[in-house]
Amino acid sequence: MAPILFHGHVIWLTEEQGGRTTDQAPPGPDYRVTGYVPPHTVENGLASFWIRDFEPGKWASPATAFWAIADNEGPLEVRPGSVVVVTEGPRVVAYFHVDEVERDPAGDQPG
């Protein structure tokens, strides 16, 4: 089954903001992390989340994302306007703001 893609933008948090402990945003263009959709939390809503097509090294950029294993339903359902809290382990490192949701007709999930 093809992943359901989320188009939007990612905003990475700096170390001073409690985010990434390096001095730059991820090098990209594909980044496998975890995330959850509020009101759920890292304790009860965490799932594998893949962010791709973002601008490497930029603190904010357009991006595409999808749930790597889970379906877009229940506590992980995102819609336009949703925000996915992006984590590295329990640490919040970014926010992915969803503008559009679409099924990838080619099933193009990076290997």
PDB file of N, CA and C in Angstrom:
ATOM      1  N   MET A   1       0.841  -1.182   0.000  1.00  0.00           N
ATOM      2  CA  MET A   1       0.000   0.000   0.000  1.00  0.00           C
ATOM      3  C   MET A   1       0.887   1.246   0.000  1.00  0.00           C
ATOM      4  N   ALA A   2       0.543   2.189  -0.819  1.00  0.00           N
ATOM      5  CA  ALA A   2       1.305   3.430  -0.921  1.00  0.00           C
ATOM      6  C   ALA A   2       1.110   4.269   0.336  1.00  0.00           C
ATOM      7  N   PRO A   3       2.173   4.955   0.761  1.00  0.00           N
ATOM      8  CA  PRO A   3       2.023   5.809   1.952  1.00  0.00           C
ATOM      9  C   PRO A   3       1.138   7.008   1.647  1.00  0.00           C
ATOM     10  N   ILE A   4       0.516   7.517   2.672  1.00  0.00           N
ATOM     11  CA  ILE A   4      -0.233   8.772   2.546  1.00  0.00           C
ATOM     12  C   ILE A   4       0.745   9.882   2.871  1.00  0.00           C
ATOM     13  N   LEU A   5       0.941  10.770   1.913  1.00  0.00           N
ATOM     14  CA  LEU A   5       1.930  11.837   2.060  1.00  0.00           C
ATOM     15  C   LEU A   5       1.313  13.085   2.663  1.00  0.00           C
ATOM     16  N   PHE A   6       2.107  13.745   3.488  1.00  0.00           N
ATOM     17  CA  PHE A   6       1.723  15.015   4.092  1.00  0.00           C
ATOM     18  C   PHE A   6       2.657  16.078   3.538  1.00  0.00           C
ATOM     19  N   HIS A   7       2.111  17.079   2.884  1.00  0.00           N
ATOM     20  CA  HIS A   7       2.914  18.190   2.375  1.00  0.00           C
ATOM     21  C   HIS A   7       2.725  19.361   3.319  1.00  0.00           C
ATOM     22  N   GLY A   8       3.821  20.028   3.621  1.00  0.00           N
ATOM     23  CA  GLY A   8       3.748  21.164   4.521  1.00  0.00           C
ATOM     24  C   GLY A   8       5.119  21.755   4.732  1.00  0.00           C
ATOM     25  N   HIS A   9       5.407  22.103   5.965  1.00  0.00           N
ATOM     26  CA  HIS A   9       6.729  22.646   6.264  1.00  0.00           C
ATOM     27  C   HIS A   9       7.173  22.191   7.654  1.00  0.00           C
ATOM     28  N   VAL A  10       8.481  22.055   7.768  1.00  0.00           N
ATOM     29  CA  VAL A  10       9.080  21.616   9.020  1.00  0.00           C
ATOM     30  C   VAL A  10       9.861  22.771   9.630  1.00  0.00           C
ATOM     31  N   ILE A  11       9.737  22.907  10.932  1.00  0.00           N
ATOM     32  CA  ILE A  11      10.500  23.905  11.683  1.00  0.00           C
ATOM     33  C   ILE A  11      11.284  23.152  12.745  1.00  0.00           C
ATOM     34  N   TRP A  12      12.611  23.172  12.615  1.00  0.00           N
ATOM     35  CA  TRP A  12      13.497  22.489  13.555  1.00  0.00           C
ATOM     36  C   TRP A  12      13.787  23.407  14.745  1.00  0.00           C
ATOM     37  N   LEU A  13      13.827  22.859  15.945  1.00  0.00           N
ATOM     38  CA  LEU A  13      14.139  23.625  17.143  1.00  0.00           C
ATOM     39  C   LEU A  13      15.645  23.590  17.394  1.00  0.00           C
ATOM     40  N   THR A  14      16.183  24.700  17.822  1.00  0.00           N
ATOM     41  CA  THR A  14      17.600  24.767  18.180  1.00  0.00           C
ATOM     42  C   THR A  14      17.809  24.152  19.565  1.00  0.00           C
ATOM     43  N   GLU A  15      19.043  23.953  19.929  1.00  0.00           N
ATOM     44  CA  GLU A  15      19.351  23.420  21.253  1.00  0.00           C
ATOM     45  C   GLU A  15      18.824  24.356  22.342  1.00  0.00           C
ATOM     46  N   GLU A  16      18.937  25.655  22.122  1.00  0.00           N
ATOM     47  CA  GLU A  16      18.444  26.630  23.108  1.00  0.00           C
ATOM     48  C   GLU A  16      16.935  26.536  23.289  1.00  0.00           C
ATOM     49  N   GLN A  17      16.234  26.066  22.270  1.00  0.00           N
ATOM     50  CA  GLN A  17      14.783  25.896  22.333  1.00  0.00           C
ATOM     51  C   GLN A  17      14.398  24.517  22.875  1.00  0.00           C
ATOM     52  N   GLY A  18      15.404  23.720  23.244  1.00  0.00           N
ATOM     53  CA  GLY A  18      15.153  22.380  23.746  1.00  0.00           C
ATOM     54  C   GLY A  18      15.182  21.312  22.672  1.00  0.00           C
ATOM     55  N   GLY A  19      15.567  21.692  21.448  1.00  0.00           N
ATOM     56  CA  GLY A  19      15.540  20.771  20.317  1.00  0.00           C
ATOM     57  C   GLY A  19      16.849  20.057  20.073  1.00  0.00           C
ATOM     58  N   ARG A  20      17.280  20.100  18.825  1.00  0.00           N
ATOM     59  CA  ARG A  20      18.467  19.355  18.415  1.00  0.00           C
ATOM     60  C   ARG A  20      19.703  19.797  19.183  1.00  0.00           C
ATOM     61  N   THR A  21      20.560  18.830  19.502  1.00  0.00           N
ATOM     62  CA  THR A  21      21.757  19.133  20.282  1.00  0.00           C
ATOM     63  C   THR A  21      22.970  19.382  19.395  1.00  0.00           C
ATOM     64  N   THR A  22      22.749  19.538  18.107  1.00  0.00           N
ATOM     65  CA  THR A  22      23.836  19.903  17.196  1.00  0.00           C
ATOM     66  C   THR A  22      23.648  21.357  16.807  1.00  0.00           C
ATOM     67  N   ASP A  23      24.627  21.906  16.121  1.00  0.00           N
ATOM     68  CA  ASP A  23      24.538  23.328  15.773  1.00  0.00           C
ATOM     69  C   ASP A  23      23.866  23.562  14.426  1.00  0.00           C
ATOM     70  N   GLN A  24      23.220  22.535  13.867  1.00  0.00           N
ATOM     71  CA  GLN A  24      22.541  22.751  12.589  1.00  0.00           C
ATOM     72  C   GLN A  24      21.336  21.833  12.452  1.00  0.00           C
ATOM     73  N   ALA A  25      20.468  22.185  11.524  1.00  0.00           N
ATOM     74  CA  ALA A  25      19.326  21.341  11.192  1.00  0.00           C
ATOM     75  C   ALA A  25      19.845  20.079  10.506  1.00  0.00           C
ATOM     76  N   PRO A  26      19.047  19.012  10.424  1.00  0.00           N
ATOM     77  CA  PRO A  26      19.510  17.781   9.793  1.00  0.00           C
ATOM     78  C   PRO A  26      19.997  18.011   8.364  1.00  0.00           C
ATOM     79  N   PRO A  27      20.989  17.221   7.935  1.00  0.00           N
ATOM     80  CA  PRO A  27      21.537  17.405   6.607  1.00  0.00           C
ATOM     81  C   PRO A  27      20.596  16.994   5.486  1.00  0.00           C
ATOM     82  N   GLY A  28      19.624  16.109   5.743  1.00  0.00           N
ATOM     83  CA  GLY A  28      18.625  15.727   4.748  1.00  0.00           C
ATOM     84  C   GLY A  28      19.205  14.959   3.583  1.00  0.00           C
ATOM     85  N   PRO A  29      18.434  14.699   2.566  1.00  0.00           N
ATOM     86  CA  PRO A  29      17.053  15.136   2.344  1.00  0.00           C
ATOM     87  C   PRO A  29      16.006  14.206   2.944  1.00  0.00           C
ATOM     88  N   ASP A  30      16.412  13.053   3.492  1.00  0.00           N
ATOM     89  CA  ASP A  30      15.476  12.138   4.147  1.00  0.00           C
ATOM     90  C   ASP A  30      15.882  12.000   5.609  1.00  0.00           C
ATOM     91  N   TYR A  31      14.890  12.003   6.482  1.00  0.00           N
ATOM     92  CA  TYR A  31      15.193  11.934   7.903  1.00  0.00           C
ATOM     93  C   TYR A  31      14.144  11.077   8.589  1.00  0.00           C
ATOM     94  N   ARG A  32      14.582   9.994   9.205  1.00  0.00           N
ATOM     95  CA  ARG A  32      13.680   9.088   9.917  1.00  0.00           C
ATOM     96  C   ARG A  32      13.720   9.423  11.393  1.00  0.00           C
ATOM     97  N   VAL A  33      12.563   9.775  11.909  1.00  0.00           N
ATOM     98  CA  VAL A  33      12.437  10.148  13.317  1.00  0.00           C
ATOM     99  C   VAL A  33      11.172   9.500  13.870  1.00  0.00           C
ATOM    100  N   THR A  34      10.681  10.020  14.973  1.00  0.00           N
ATOM    101  CA  THR A  34       9.395   9.616  15.519  1.00  0.00           C
ATOM    102  C   THR A  34       8.560  10.873  15.704  1.00  0.00           C
ATOM    103  N   GLY A  35       7.267  10.679  15.860  1.00  0.00           N
ATOM    104  CA  GLY A  35       6.400  11.833  16.043  1.00  0.00           C
ATOM    105  C   GLY A  35       5.057  11.419  16.620  1.00  0.00           C
ATOM    106  N   TYR A  36       4.296  12.415  17.002  1.00  0.00           N
ATOM    107  CA  TYR A  36       2.942  12.191  17.498  1.00  0.00           C
ATOM    108  C   TYR A  36       2.093  13.401  17.166  1.00  0.00           C
ATOM    109  N   VAL A  37       0.770  13.188  17.211  1.00  0.00           N
ATOM    110  CA  VAL A  37      -0.192  14.246  16.920  1.00  0.00           C
ATOM    111  C   VAL A  37      -0.880  14.633  18.225  1.00  0.00           C
ATOM    112  N   PRO A  38      -0.724  15.886  18.672  1.00  0.00           N
ATOM    113  CA  PRO A  38      -1.430  16.320  19.873  1.00  0.00           C
ATOM    114  C   PRO A  38      -2.944  16.172  19.678  1.00  0.00           C
ATOM    115  N   PRO A  39      -3.696  15.850  20.713  1.00  0.00           N
ATOM    116  CA  PRO A  39      -3.351  15.935  22.126  1.00  0.00           C
ATOM    117  C   PRO A  39      -2.595  14.719  22.660  1.00  0.00           C
ATOM    118  N   HIS A  40      -2.247  13.769  21.785  1.00  0.00           N
ATOM    119  CA  HIS A  40      -1.464  12.621  22.247  1.00  0.00           C
ATOM    120  C   HIS A  40      -0.064  13.094  22.602  1.00  0.00           C
ATOM    121  N   THR A  41       0.702  12.209  23.224  1.00  0.00           N
ATOM    122  CA  THR A  41       2.023  12.571  23.722  1.00  0.00           C
ATOM    123  C   THR A  41       3.045  11.519  23.307  1.00  0.00           C
ATOM    124  N   VAL A  42       4.291  11.757  23.686  1.00  0.00           N
ATOM    125  CA  VAL A  42       5.351  10.791  23.414  1.00  0.00           C
ATOM    126  C   VAL A  42       5.057   9.468  24.128  1.00  0.00           C
ATOM    127  N   GLU A  43       4.328   9.516  25.232  1.00  0.00           N
ATOM    128  CA  GLU A  43       4.008   8.305  25.981  1.00  0.00           C
ATOM    129  C   GLU A  43       2.873   7.496  25.358  1.00  0.00           C
ATOM    130  N   ASN A  44       1.924   8.135  24.679  1.00  0.00           N
ATOM    131  CA  ASN A  44       0.758   7.376  24.206  1.00  0.00           C
ATOM    132  C   ASN A  44       0.435   7.536  22.718  1.00  0.00           C
ATOM    133  N   GLY A  45       1.299   8.210  21.945  1.00  0.00           N
ATOM    134  CA  GLY A  45       0.963   8.391  20.537  1.00  0.00           C
ATOM    135  C   GLY A  45       2.149   8.348  19.595  1.00  0.00           C
ATOM    136  N   LEU A  46       3.297   7.890  20.060  1.00  0.00           N
ATOM    137  CA  LEU A  46       4.523   7.947  19.267  1.00  0.00           C
ATOM    138  C   LEU A  46       4.537   6.884  18.166  1.00  0.00           C
ATOM    139  N   ALA A  47       4.987   7.288  16.966  1.00  0.00           N
ATOM    140  CA  ALA A  47       5.118   6.363  15.835  1.00  0.00           C
ATOM    141  C   ALA A  47       6.280   6.815  14.964  1.00  0.00           C
ATOM    142  N   SER A  48       6.760   5.901  14.144  1.00  0.00           N
ATOM    143  CA  SER A  48       7.858   6.200  13.225  1.00  0.00           C
ATOM    144  C   SER A  48       7.384   7.175  12.155  1.00  0.00           C
ATOM    145  N   PHE A  49       8.147   8.244  11.932  1.00  0.00           N
ATOM    146  CA  PHE A  49       7.755   9.338  11.041  1.00  0.00           C
ATOM    147  C   PHE A  49       8.925   9.647  10.128  1.00  0.00           C
ATOM    148  N   TRP A  50       8.654   9.784   8.857  1.00  0.00           N
ATOM    149  CA  TRP A  50       9.692  10.017   7.860  1.00  0.00           C
ATOM    150  C   TRP A  50       9.477  11.388   7.240  1.00  0.00           C
ATOM    151  N   ILE A  51      10.501  12.227   7.300  1.00  0.00           N
ATOM    152  CA  ILE A  51      10.445  13.557   6.682  1.00  0.00           C
ATOM    153  C   ILE A  51      11.415  13.560   5.511  1.00  0.00           C
ATOM    154  N   ARG A  52      10.970  14.048   4.372  1.00  0.00           N
ATOM    155  CA  ARG A  52      11.844  14.086   3.201  1.00  0.00           C
ATOM    156  C   ARG A  52      11.591  15.352   2.403  1.00  0.00           C
ATOM    157  N   ASP A  53      12.479  15.568   1.455  1.00  0.00           N
ATOM    158  CA  ASP A  53      12.357  16.712   0.526  1.00  0.00           C
ATOM    159  C   ASP A  53      12.440  18.059   1.222  1.00  0.00           C
ATOM    160  N   PHE A  54      13.087  18.107   2.393  1.00  0.00           N
ATOM    161  CA  PHE A  54      13.289  19.407   3.041  1.00  0.00           C
ATOM    162  C   PHE A  54      14.646  19.961   2.612  1.00  0.00           C
ATOM    163  N   GLU A  55      14.863  21.239   2.865  1.00  0.00           N
ATOM    164  CA  GLU A  55      16.122  21.873   2.485  1.00  0.00           C
ATOM    165  C   GLU A  55      17.171  21.576   3.551  1.00  0.00           C
ATOM    166  N   PRO A  56      18.187  20.778   3.195  1.00  0.00           N
ATOM    167  CA  PRO A  56      19.203  20.392   4.177  1.00  0.00           C
ATOM    168  C   PRO A  56      19.859  21.595   4.855  1.00  0.00           C
ATOM    169  N   GLY A  57      20.006  21.505   6.180  1.00  0.00           N
ATOM    170  CA  GLY A  57      20.679  22.547   6.940  1.00  0.00           C
ATOM    171  C   GLY A  57      19.840  23.773   7.235  1.00  0.00           C
ATOM    172  N   LYS A  58      18.627  23.861   6.699  1.00  0.00           N
ATOM    173  CA  LYS A  58      17.753  25.021   6.953  1.00  0.00           C
ATOM    174  C   LYS A  58      16.896  24.744   8.180  1.00  0.00           C
ATOM    175  N   TRP A  59      16.708  25.746   9.006  1.00  0.00           N
ATOM    176  CA  TRP A  59      15.909  25.585  10.220  1.00  0.00           C
ATOM    177  C   TRP A  59      14.421  25.511   9.923  1.00  0.00           C
ATOM    178  N   ALA A  60      13.987  26.030   8.789  1.00  0.00           N
ATOM    179  CA  ALA A  60      12.586  25.945   8.365  1.00  0.00           C
ATOM    180  C   ALA A  60      12.563  25.785   6.854  1.00  0.00           C
ATOM    181  N   SER A  61      11.729  24.863   6.369  1.00  0.00           N
ATOM    182  CA  SER A  61      11.629  24.682   4.924  1.00  0.00           C
ATOM    183  C   SER A  61      10.393  23.873   4.577  1.00  0.00           C
ATOM    184  N   PRO A  62       9.957  23.956   3.309  1.00  0.00           N
ATOM    185  CA  PRO A  62       8.902  23.055   2.845  1.00  0.00           C
ATOM    186  C   PRO A  62       9.402  21.620   2.964  1.00  0.00           C
ATOM    187  N   ALA A  63       8.484  20.679   3.141  1.00  0.00           N
ATOM    188  CA  ALA A  63       8.873  19.275   3.276  1.00  0.00           C
ATOM    189  C   ALA A  63       7.674  18.377   2.992  1.00  0.00           C
ATOM    190  N   THR A  64       7.965  17.108   2.825  1.00  0.00           N
ATOM    191  CA  THR A  64       6.958  16.063   2.690  1.00  0.00           C
ATOM    192  C   THR A  64       7.238  15.045   3.784  1.00  0.00           C
ATOM    193  N   ALA A  65       6.179  14.436   4.323  1.00  0.00           N
ATOM    194  CA  ALA A  65       6.369  13.459   5.394  1.00  0.00           C
ATOM    195  C   ALA A  65       5.306  12.380   5.311  1.00  0.00           C
ATOM    196  N   PHE A  66       5.524  11.306   6.045  1.00  0.00           N
ATOM    197  CA  PHE A  66       4.520  10.250   6.155  1.00  0.00           C
ATOM    198  C   PHE A  66       4.835   9.373   7.356  1.00  0.00           C
ATOM    199  N   TRP A  67       3.814   8.644   7.818  1.00  0.00           N
ATOM    200  CA  TRP A  67       4.015   7.641   8.858  1.00  0.00           C
ATOM    201  C   TRP A  67       4.691   6.457   8.192  1.00  0.00           C
ATOM    202  N   ALA A  68       5.821   6.024   8.715  1.00  0.00           N
ATOM    203  CA  ALA A  68       6.600   4.971   8.065  1.00  0.00           C
ATOM    204  C   ALA A  68       5.953   3.596   8.195  1.00  0.00           C
ATOM    205  N   ILE A  69       5.276   3.317   9.283  1.00  0.00           N
ATOM    206  CA  ILE A  69       4.695   1.993   9.491  1.00  0.00           C
ATOM    207  C   ILE A  69       3.194   2.075   9.731  1.00  0.00           C
ATOM    208  N   ALA A  70       2.746   3.073  10.427  1.00  0.00           N
ATOM    209  CA  ALA A  70       1.343   3.189  10.820  1.00  0.00           C
ATOM    210  C   ALA A  70       0.494   3.821   9.719  1.00  0.00           C
ATOM    211  N   ASP A  71      -0.809   3.634   9.829  1.00  0.00           N
ATOM    212  CA  ASP A  71      -1.747   4.265   8.910  1.00  0.00           C
ATOM    213  C   ASP A  71      -2.135   5.646   9.438  1.00  0.00           C
ATOM    214  N   ASN A  72      -2.632   6.475   8.549  1.00  0.00           N
ATOM    215  CA  ASN A  72      -3.084   7.815   8.912  1.00  0.00           C
ATOM    216  C   ASN A  72      -4.517   7.732   9.443  1.00  0.00           C
ATOM    217  N   GLU A  73      -4.644   7.211  10.662  1.00  0.00           N
ATOM    218  CA  GLU A  73      -5.969   7.056  11.254  1.00  0.00           C
ATOM    219  C   GLU A  73      -5.849   7.026  12.774  1.00  0.00           C
ATOM    220  N   GLY A  74      -6.980   7.130  13.427  1.00  0.00           N
ATOM    221  CA  GLY A  74      -7.001   7.097  14.891  1.00  0.00           C
ATOM    222  C   GLY A  74      -6.133   8.189  15.484  1.00  0.00           C
ATOM    223  N   PRO A  75      -5.312   7.864  16.477  1.00  0.00           N
ATOM    224  CA  PRO A  75      -4.501   8.894  17.134  1.00  0.00           C
ATOM    225  C   PRO A  75      -3.422   9.493  16.238  1.00  0.00           C
ATOM    226  N   LEU A  76      -3.153   8.857  15.091  1.00  0.00           N
ATOM    227  CA  LEU A  76      -2.126   9.364  14.167  1.00  0.00           C
ATOM    228  C   LEU A  76      -2.722  10.083  12.958  1.00  0.00           C
ATOM    229  N   GLU A  77      -4.024  10.266  12.952  1.00  0.00           N
ATOM    230  CA  GLU A  77      -4.645  10.912  11.795  1.00  0.00           C
ATOM    231  C   GLU A  77      -4.240  12.378  11.702  1.00  0.00           C
ATOM    232  N   VAL A  78      -3.750  12.753  10.531  1.00  0.00           N
ATOM    233  CA  VAL A  78      -3.454  14.158  10.270  1.00  0.00           C
ATOM    234  C   VAL A  78      -4.305  14.636   9.114  1.00  0.00           C
ATOM    235  N   ARG A  79      -4.631  15.904   9.169  1.00  0.00           N
ATOM    236  CA  ARG A  79      -5.426  16.589   8.147  1.00  0.00           C
ATOM    237  C   ARG A  79      -4.750  17.932   7.890  1.00  0.00           C
ATOM    238  N   PRO A  80      -5.142  18.607   6.827  1.00  0.00           N
ATOM    239  CA  PRO A  80      -4.603  19.955   6.647  1.00  0.00           C
ATOM    240  C   PRO A  80      -4.861  20.782   7.908  1.00  0.00           C
ATOM    241  N   GLY A  81      -3.815  21.454   8.376  1.00  0.00           N
ATOM    242  CA  GLY A  81      -3.896  22.239   9.605  1.00  0.00           C
ATOM    243  C   GLY A  81      -3.338  21.513  10.822  1.00  0.00           C
ATOM    244  N   SER A  82      -3.149  20.191  10.715  1.00  0.00           N
ATOM    245  CA  SER A  82      -2.572  19.433  11.833  1.00  0.00           C
ATOM    246  C   SER A  82      -1.096  19.780  12.003  1.00  0.00           C
ATOM    247  N   VAL A  83      -0.609  19.533  13.207  1.00  0.00           N
ATOM    248  CA  VAL A  83       0.815  19.658  13.505  1.00  0.00           C
ATOM    249  C   VAL A  83       1.285  18.327  14.067  1.00  0.00           C
ATOM    250  N   VAL A  84       2.377  17.798  13.502  1.00  0.00           N
ATOM    251  CA  VAL A  84       3.004  16.601  14.045  1.00  0.00           C
ATOM    252  C   VAL A  84       4.206  17.061  14.857  1.00  0.00           C
ATOM    253  N   VAL A  85       4.257  16.637  16.118  1.00  0.00           N
ATOM    254  CA  VAL A  85       5.393  16.938  16.980  1.00  0.00           C
ATOM    255  C   VAL A  85       6.464  15.899  16.654  1.00  0.00           C
ATOM    256  N   VAL A  86       7.631  16.352  16.205  1.00  0.00           N
ATOM    257  CA  VAL A  86       8.715  15.476  15.766  1.00  0.00           C
ATOM    258  C   VAL A  86       9.693  15.295  16.915  1.00  0.00           C
ATOM    259  N   THR A  87      10.056  14.027  17.169  1.00  0.00           N
ATOM    260  CA  THR A  87      10.931  13.743  18.296  1.00  0.00           C
ATOM    261  C   THR A  87      12.130  12.898  17.878  1.00  0.00           C
ATOM    262  N   GLU A  88      13.202  13.053  18.621  1.00  0.00           N
ATOM    263  CA  GLU A  88      14.347  12.142  18.586  1.00  0.00           C
ATOM    264  C   GLU A  88      14.345  11.507  19.968  1.00  0.00           C
ATOM    265  N   GLY A  89      13.853  10.275  20.054  1.00  0.00           N
ATOM    266  CA  GLY A  89      13.588   9.704  21.364  1.00  0.00           C
ATOM    267  C   GLY A  89      12.484  10.531  22.009  1.00  0.00           C
ATOM    268  N   PRO A  90      12.609  10.868  23.295  1.00  0.00           N
ATOM    269  CA  PRO A  90      11.569  11.670  23.933  1.00  0.00           C
ATOM    270  C   PRO A  90      11.725  13.183  23.708  1.00  0.00           C
ATOM    271  N   ARG A  91      12.828  13.611  23.103  1.00  0.00           N
ATOM    272  CA  ARG A  91      13.105  15.038  22.922  1.00  0.00           C
ATOM    273  C   ARG A  91      12.368  15.597  21.702  1.00  0.00           C
ATOM    274  N   VAL A  92      11.607  16.665  21.903  1.00  0.00           N
ATOM    275  CA  VAL A  92      10.942  17.342  20.787  1.00  0.00           C
ATOM    276  C   VAL A  92      11.996  18.137  20.033  1.00  0.00           C
ATOM    277  N   VAL A  93      12.122  17.867  18.718  1.00  0.00           N
ATOM    278  CA  VAL A  93      13.154  18.531  17.926  1.00  0.00           C
ATOM    279  C   VAL A  93      12.594  19.373  16.784  1.00  0.00           C
ATOM    280  N   ALA A  94      11.301  19.198  16.453  1.00  0.00           N
ATOM    281  CA  ALA A  94      10.730  19.950  15.334  1.00  0.00           C
ATOM    282  C   ALA A  94       9.220  19.860  15.378  1.00  0.00           C
ATOM    283  N   TYR A  95       8.614  20.710  14.555  1.00  0.00           N
ATOM    284  CA  TYR A  95       7.173  20.675  14.331  1.00  0.00           C
ATOM    285  C   TYR A  95       6.946  20.609  12.832  1.00  0.00           C
ATOM    286  N   PHE A  96       6.130  19.646  12.408  1.00  0.00           N
ATOM    287  CA  PHE A  96       5.770  19.528  11.000  1.00  0.00           C
ATOM    288  C   PHE A  96       4.341  20.011  10.843  1.00  0.00           C
ATOM    289  N   HIS A  97       4.158  21.101  10.106  1.00  0.00           N
ATOM    290  CA  HIS A  97       2.849  21.710   9.879  1.00  0.00           C
ATOM    291  C   HIS A  97       2.283  21.181   8.562  1.00  0.00           C
ATOM    292  N   VAL A  98       1.114  20.548   8.617  1.00  0.00           N
ATOM    293  CA  VAL A  98       0.517  19.899   7.453  1.00  0.00           C
ATOM    294  C   VAL A  98      -0.364  20.876   6.687  1.00  0.00           C
ATOM    295  N   ASP A  99      -0.060  21.038   5.388  1.00  0.00           N
ATOM    296  CA  ASP A  99      -0.871  21.873   4.507  1.00  0.00           C
ATOM    297  C   ASP A  99      -1.797  21.042   3.621  1.00  0.00           C
ATOM    298  N   GLU A 100      -1.333  19.841   3.234  1.00  0.00           N
ATOM    299  CA  GLU A 100      -2.077  19.008   2.295  1.00  0.00           C
ATOM    300  C   GLU A 100      -1.795  17.535   2.605  1.00  0.00           C
ATOM    301  N   VAL A 101      -2.801  16.682   2.402  1.00  0.00           N
ATOM    302  CA  VAL A 101      -2.657  15.247   2.600  1.00  0.00           C
ATOM    303  C   VAL A 101      -3.027  14.559   1.295  1.00  0.00           C
ATOM    304  N   GLU A 102      -2.170  13.648   0.819  1.00  0.00           N
ATOM    305  CA  GLU A 102      -2.482  12.927  -0.424  1.00  0.00           C
ATOM    306  C   GLU A 102      -1.861  11.546  -0.433  1.00  0.00           C
ATOM    307  N   ARG A 103      -2.513  10.641  -1.107  1.00  0.00           N
ATOM    308  CA  ARG A 103      -1.938   9.306  -1.302  1.00  0.00           C
ATOM    309  C   ARG A 103      -0.942   9.392  -2.442  1.00  0.00           C
ATOM    310  N   ASP A 104       0.228   8.793  -2.256  1.00  0.00           N
ATOM    311  CA  ASP A 104       1.272   8.785  -3.284  1.00  0.00           C
ATOM    312  C   ASP A 104       0.890   7.710  -4.313  1.00  0.00           C
ATOM    313  N   PRO A 105       0.479   8.113  -5.531  1.00  0.00           N
ATOM    314  CA  PRO A 105       0.004   7.137  -6.515  1.00  0.00           C
ATOM    315  C   PRO A 105       1.087   6.165  -6.972  1.00  0.00           C
ATOM    316  N   ALA A 106       2.343   6.542  -6.864  1.00  0.00           N
ATOM    317  CA  ALA A 106       3.430   5.670  -7.306  1.00  0.00           C
ATOM    318  C   ALA A 106       3.910   4.742  -6.198  1.00  0.00           C
ATOM    319  N   GLY A 107       3.444   4.984  -4.967  1.00  0.00           N
ATOM    320  CA  GLY A 107       3.942   4.186  -3.850  1.00  0.00           C
ATOM    321  C   GLY A 107       5.416   4.437  -3.593  1.00  0.00           C
ATOM    322  N   ASP A 108       5.864   5.658  -3.842  1.00  0.00           N
ATOM    323  CA  ASP A 108       7.280   6.015  -3.789  1.00  0.00           C
ATOM    324  C   ASP A 108       7.745   6.206  -2.362  1.00  0.00           C
ATOM    325  N   GLN A 109       8.033   5.112  -1.699  1.00  0.00           N
ATOM    326  CA  GLN A 109       8.576   5.180  -0.339  1.00  0.00           C
ATOM    327  C   GLN A 109      10.069   4.888  -0.433  1.00  0.00           C
ATOM    328  N   PRO A 110      10.910   5.845  -0.043  1.00  0.00           N
ATOM    329  CA  PRO A 110      12.345   5.622  -0.156  1.00  0.00           C
ATOM    330  C   PRO A 110      12.773   4.366   0.577  1.00  0.00           C
ATOM    331  N   GLY A 111      13.792   3.690   0.045  1.00  0.00           N
ATOM    332  CA  GLY A 111      14.260   2.447   0.641  1.00  0.00           C
ATOM    333  C   GLY A 111      15.386   2.702   1.507  1.00  0.00           C
TER     334      GLY A 111
END
